[in-house]
Amino acid sequence: MASRALRVLTLAYRDNPESVDNGSQERDLVLCGLVGMIDPPREEVAVAVARCRQAGIRPVMITGDHPATALAIARELGIADADAPEVLTGQEVDQMSQVELQQRVARVSVYARATEAHKLRVVQAWKSRGQIVAMTGDGVNDAPAVKAADIGIAMGLTGTDVTKDASDMVLMDDNFASVVNAVEEGRGIFDNIQKFVHFLLSCNAGEVLFMFFCRFDRLAGSFAADPAVVDQPDY
């Protein structure tokens, strides 16, 4: 069930729950069964992830879900490669030094059973490799990683005030596709600025060179003047 991107819950009961204290209520339970729930991603997310890859942006998933569930969702969205997927759990991250995580972070696209400390370490590992990192989050536990990222992005609808205050920008629709659209718009503006600067330089270069050579020709003519014309004493 987890490999089909379902979140699995176990249901059980006790015969005499009132006869035990709070510390032993999860012992000697009678299993009822398993329940699989799915929280499907939005339809536009897969398209947005594909656009990210085409634009040279590497999407990475950090979640608290089970590794099998996280990997199934990552494959569905195109975040994880089907041929050579690699998933790191929070427990495995705890066993690594920051240098080891920095060396391995480029090969990992999915982090499962992650806490706020793991998210922060992943962001710092990417930044130590010289990469520009953007981090999205909505809960209080996301605030440290959002603050540490180069571009912190908070959710405007479901995000907490702490995360919004720690972020650089807030998504009003909580949609990952809006991030991709913003990147596309920003790159378009940057390209237009570059084209405008190149246009100005190419148009004004002729005028600058014309004025420079006119000045140079005038100086050269004054140096080449007849020496007899130069002012001399009367004696």
Protein backbone atom coordinates (compact mmCIF):
# COMPACT_ATOMS: atom_id res chain seq x y z
CA MET A 1 0.00 0.00 0.00
CA ALA A 2 2.86 2.36 0.76
CA SER A 3 4.46 1.60 -2.61
CA ARG A 4 1.20 2.75 -4.25
CA ALA A 5 1.63 6.19 -2.61
CA LEU A 6 -0.85 5.41 0.18
CA ARG A 7 -0.44 6.55 3.77
CA VAL A 8 -1.08 3.49 5.90
CA LEU A 9 -2.69 3.47 9.35
CA THR A 10 -3.13 0.46 11.62
CA LEU A 11 -6.38 0.16 13.57
CA ALA A 12 -6.55 -1.83 16.80
CA TYR A 13 -8.45 -1.94 20.09
CA ARG A 14 -8.29 -3.18 23.68
CA ASP A 15 -10.90 -5.13 25.59
CA ASN A 16 -10.51 -3.17 28.84
CA PRO A 17 -9.01 0.25 28.05
CA GLU A 18 -10.12 1.82 31.32
CA SER A 19 -8.17 -0.71 33.38
CA VAL A 20 -4.75 0.41 32.16
CA ASP A 21 -2.79 3.60 32.58
CA ASN A 22 -1.65 5.87 29.77
CA GLY A 23 1.78 4.27 29.52
CA SER A 24 0.50 0.78 28.60
CA GLN A 25 -2.46 1.51 26.34
CA GLU A 26 -0.56 0.47 23.22
CA ARG A 27 0.15 -3.06 24.43
CA ASP A 28 -1.79 -6.29 23.90
CA LEU A 29 -3.95 -4.76 21.19
CA VAL A 30 -6.33 -6.63 18.89
CA LEU A 31 -5.59 -5.86 15.24
CA CYS A 32 -8.58 -4.69 13.22
CA GLY A 33 -6.85 -3.98 9.91
CA LEU A 34 -5.02 -1.44 7.81
CA VAL A 35 -6.35 1.73 6.21
CA GLY A 36 -4.70 3.28 3.17
CA MET A 37 -5.27 6.96 2.46
CA ILE A 38 -4.01 8.94 -0.49
CA ASP A 39 -3.31 12.65 -0.70
CA PRO A 40 -2.92 13.04 -4.46
CA PRO A 41 -0.74 15.89 -5.74
CA ARG A 42 -2.25 18.53 -7.94
CA GLU A 43 -2.38 17.73 -11.63
CA GLU A 44 -0.22 20.70 -12.59
CA VAL A 45 2.64 19.71 -10.28
CA ALA A 46 4.02 17.02 -12.61
CA VAL A 47 4.07 19.52 -15.48
CA ALA A 48 5.77 22.09 -13.24
CA VAL A 49 8.44 19.57 -12.22
CA ALA A 50 9.13 18.75 -15.87
CA ARG A 51 9.46 22.46 -16.63
CA CYS A 52 11.90 22.78 -13.72
CA ARG A 53 14.12 20.08 -15.15
CA GLN A 54 14.04 21.68 -18.59
CA ALA A 55 15.04 25.01 -17.02
CA GLY A 56 17.99 23.47 -15.15
CA ILE A 57 16.29 23.49 -11.73
CA ARG A 58 16.66 20.37 -9.56
CA PRO A 59 13.50 19.59 -7.54
CA VAL A 60 13.99 17.69 -4.27
CA MET A 61 11.30 16.22 -1.98
CA ILE A 62 11.69 16.33 1.81
CA THR A 63 8.78 14.74 3.67
CA GLY A 64 7.85 12.98 6.86
CA ASP A 65 6.12 10.13 5.02
CA HIS A 66 7.29 6.53 4.81
CA PRO A 67 10.18 6.00 2.34
CA ALA A 68 8.08 3.77 0.08
CA THR A 69 5.24 6.30 -0.02
CA ALA A 70 7.59 9.20 -0.65
CA LEU A 71 9.36 7.33 -3.45
CA ALA A 72 6.08 6.39 -5.13
CA ILE A 73 4.89 10.00 -5.13
CA ALA A 74 8.31 11.23 -6.32
CA ARG A 75 8.20 8.79 -9.24
CA GLU A 76 4.68 9.88 -10.11
CA LEU A 77 5.76 13.52 -10.22
CA GLY A 78 9.04 12.88 -12.02
CA ILE A 79 11.19 13.99 -9.10
CA ALA A 80 12.89 10.61 -8.64
CA ASP A 81 14.48 8.74 -11.52
CA ALA A 82 12.87 5.37 -12.11
CA ASP A 83 16.16 3.73 -13.09
CA ALA A 84 18.34 4.68 -10.12
CA PRO A 85 16.24 6.12 -7.29
CA GLU A 86 17.93 6.93 -4.02
CA VAL A 87 16.02 7.72 -0.84
CA LEU A 88 17.54 8.87 2.43
CA THR A 89 15.66 8.63 5.71
CA GLY A 90 16.09 10.98 8.63
CA GLN A 91 17.79 8.23 10.60
CA GLU A 92 20.39 7.77 7.85
CA VAL A 93 20.99 11.52 7.72
CA ASP A 94 21.64 11.51 11.47
CA GLN A 95 24.38 8.93 10.97
CA MET A 96 26.19 11.12 8.42
CA SER A 97 28.53 13.99 9.05
CA GLN A 98 27.85 17.25 7.27
CA VAL A 99 30.76 16.58 4.90
CA GLU A 100 29.36 13.15 4.01
CA LEU A 101 25.91 14.63 3.44
CA GLN A 102 27.41 17.34 1.25
CA GLN A 103 29.07 14.71 -0.94
CA ARG A 104 25.90 12.62 -1.26
CA VAL A 105 23.23 15.27 -1.48
CA ALA A 106 23.62 15.69 -5.24
CA ARG A 107 22.55 12.07 -5.83
CA VAL A 108 19.46 12.14 -3.59
CA SER A 109 16.09 13.48 -4.69
CA VAL A 110 13.85 12.12 -1.90
CA TYR A 111 14.21 12.44 1.89
CA ALA A 112 11.70 10.52 4.01
CA ARG A 113 10.90 10.55 7.74
CA ALA A 114 12.59 13.95 7.89
CA THR A 115 12.35 16.43 10.73
CA GLU A 116 13.09 20.15 10.81
CA ALA A 117 16.74 19.43 11.67
CA HIS A 118 17.13 17.21 8.61
CA LYS A 119 15.58 19.83 6.33
CA LEU A 120 17.99 22.44 7.63
CA ARG A 121 21.00 20.16 7.09
CA VAL A 122 19.94 19.37 3.52
CA VAL A 123 19.61 23.08 2.71
CA GLN A 124 23.02 23.80 4.21
CA ALA A 125 24.58 20.89 2.30
CA TRP A 126 23.29 22.21 -1.02
CA LYS A 127 24.47 25.74 -0.23
CA SER A 128 27.94 24.46 0.68
CA ARG A 129 28.17 23.07 -2.86
CA GLY A 130 27.74 26.59 -4.25
CA GLN A 131 24.12 26.09 -5.34
CA ILE A 132 21.28 28.61 -5.09
CA VAL A 133 18.65 26.93 -2.89
CA ALA A 134 14.93 27.70 -2.67
CA MET A 135 12.93 26.07 0.11
CA THR A 136 9.15 25.85 0.40
CA GLY A 137 7.29 25.21 3.64
CA ASP A 138 4.12 25.86 5.60
CA GLY A 139 4.57 24.56 9.15
CA VAL A 140 6.51 25.92 12.08
CA ASN A 141 9.06 23.12 11.68
CA ASP A 142 9.84 24.38 8.17
CA ALA A 143 10.83 27.86 9.36
CA PRO A 144 14.56 27.14 10.07
CA ALA A 145 15.15 25.64 6.62
CA VAL A 146 13.10 28.37 4.92
CA LYS A 147 15.15 31.01 6.74
CA ALA A 148 18.48 29.35 5.86
CA ALA A 149 17.68 29.01 2.14
CA ASP A 150 18.69 31.64 -0.39
CA ILE A 151 15.02 32.03 -1.28
CA GLY A 152 12.51 31.05 1.38
CA ILE A 153 8.97 30.44 0.12
CA ALA A 154 5.99 30.16 2.48
CA MET A 155 2.45 29.07 1.76
CA GLY A 156 -0.05 31.90 2.02
CA LEU A 157 -3.19 29.82 2.68
CA THR A 158 -1.97 27.03 4.97
CA GLY A 159 1.32 28.54 6.11
CA THR A 160 1.90 29.62 9.70
CA ASP A 161 2.84 33.16 10.65
CA VAL A 162 6.27 31.99 11.79
CA THR A 163 7.06 30.51 8.38
CA LYS A 164 5.73 33.59 6.57
CA ASP A 165 7.92 35.89 8.67
CA ALA A 166 10.99 33.73 7.99
CA SER A 167 10.39 33.56 4.23
CA ASP A 168 11.37 35.90 1.41
CA MET A 169 8.15 35.44 -0.54
CA VAL A 170 4.66 34.05 0.09
CA LEU A 171 2.58 32.02 -2.36
CA MET A 172 -1.00 33.25 -2.28
CA ASP A 173 -2.38 30.07 -3.88
CA ASP A 174 -0.07 27.44 -2.24
CA ASN A 175 0.70 26.08 -5.69
CA PHE A 176 4.15 24.83 -6.69
CA ALA A 177 3.39 25.71 -10.30
CA SER A 178 3.28 29.39 -9.27
CA VAL A 179 6.95 29.13 -8.26
CA VAL A 180 7.85 27.85 -11.72
CA ASN A 181 5.81 30.61 -13.36
CA ALA A 182 7.58 33.20 -11.22
CA VAL A 183 10.99 31.83 -12.23
CA GLU A 184 10.00 31.93 -15.89
CA GLU A 185 8.76 35.51 -15.57
CA GLY A 186 11.92 36.59 -13.73
CA ARG A 187 14.19 35.02 -16.33
CA GLY A 188 12.22 36.75 -19.06
CA ILE A 189 12.69 40.13 -17.37
CA PHE A 190 16.41 39.46 -16.91
CA ASP A 191 16.81 38.49 -20.57
CA ASN A 192 14.99 41.66 -21.66
CA ILE A 193 17.30 43.79 -19.52
CA GLN A 194 20.34 42.12 -21.07
CA LYS A 195 18.98 42.65 -24.59
CA PHE A 196 18.25 46.31 -23.84
CA VAL A 197 21.75 46.89 -22.47
CA HIS A 198 23.32 45.21 -25.50
CA PHE A 199 21.14 47.35 -27.78
CA LEU A 200 22.23 50.55 -26.08
CA LEU A 201 25.89 49.58 -26.18
CA SER A 202 25.79 48.62 -29.86
CA CYS A 203 23.96 51.83 -30.84
CA ASN A 204 26.08 54.17 -28.75
CA ALA A 205 29.39 52.49 -29.48
CA GLY A 206 29.55 54.23 -32.87
CA GLU A 207 28.93 57.62 -31.33
CA VAL A 208 31.52 57.05 -28.62
CA LEU A 209 34.13 55.90 -31.14
CA PHE A 210 33.32 58.85 -33.42
CA MET A 211 33.86 61.36 -30.62
CA PHE A 212 37.01 59.58 -29.51
CA PHE A 213 38.60 59.55 -32.95
CA CYS A 214 37.60 63.17 -33.60
CA ARG A 215 39.33 64.20 -30.41
CA PHE A 216 42.33 62.04 -31.23
CA ASP A 217 42.54 63.51 -34.75
CA ARG A 218 42.43 67.05 -33.35
CA LEU A 219 45.24 66.30 -30.90
CA ALA A 220 47.30 64.65 -33.61
CA GLY A 221 46.82 67.70 -35.87
CA SER A 222 48.00 70.12 -33.18
CA PHE A 223 51.16 68.10 -32.64
CA ALA A 224 51.84 67.99 -36.38
CA ALA A 225 51.50 71.78 -36.83
CA ASP A 226 54.34 73.87 -38.36
CA PRO A 227 56.90 74.74 -35.65
CA ALA A 228 57.23 78.23 -37.10
CA VAL A 229 53.70 79.00 -36.08
CA VAL A 230 54.48 78.34 -32.44
CA ASP A 231 54.78 81.52 -30.38
CA GLN A 232 58.41 82.59 -29.93
CA PRO A 233 60.03 85.46 -28.05
CA ASP A 234 60.53 88.74 -29.94
CA TYR A 235 64.24 88.93 -29.29
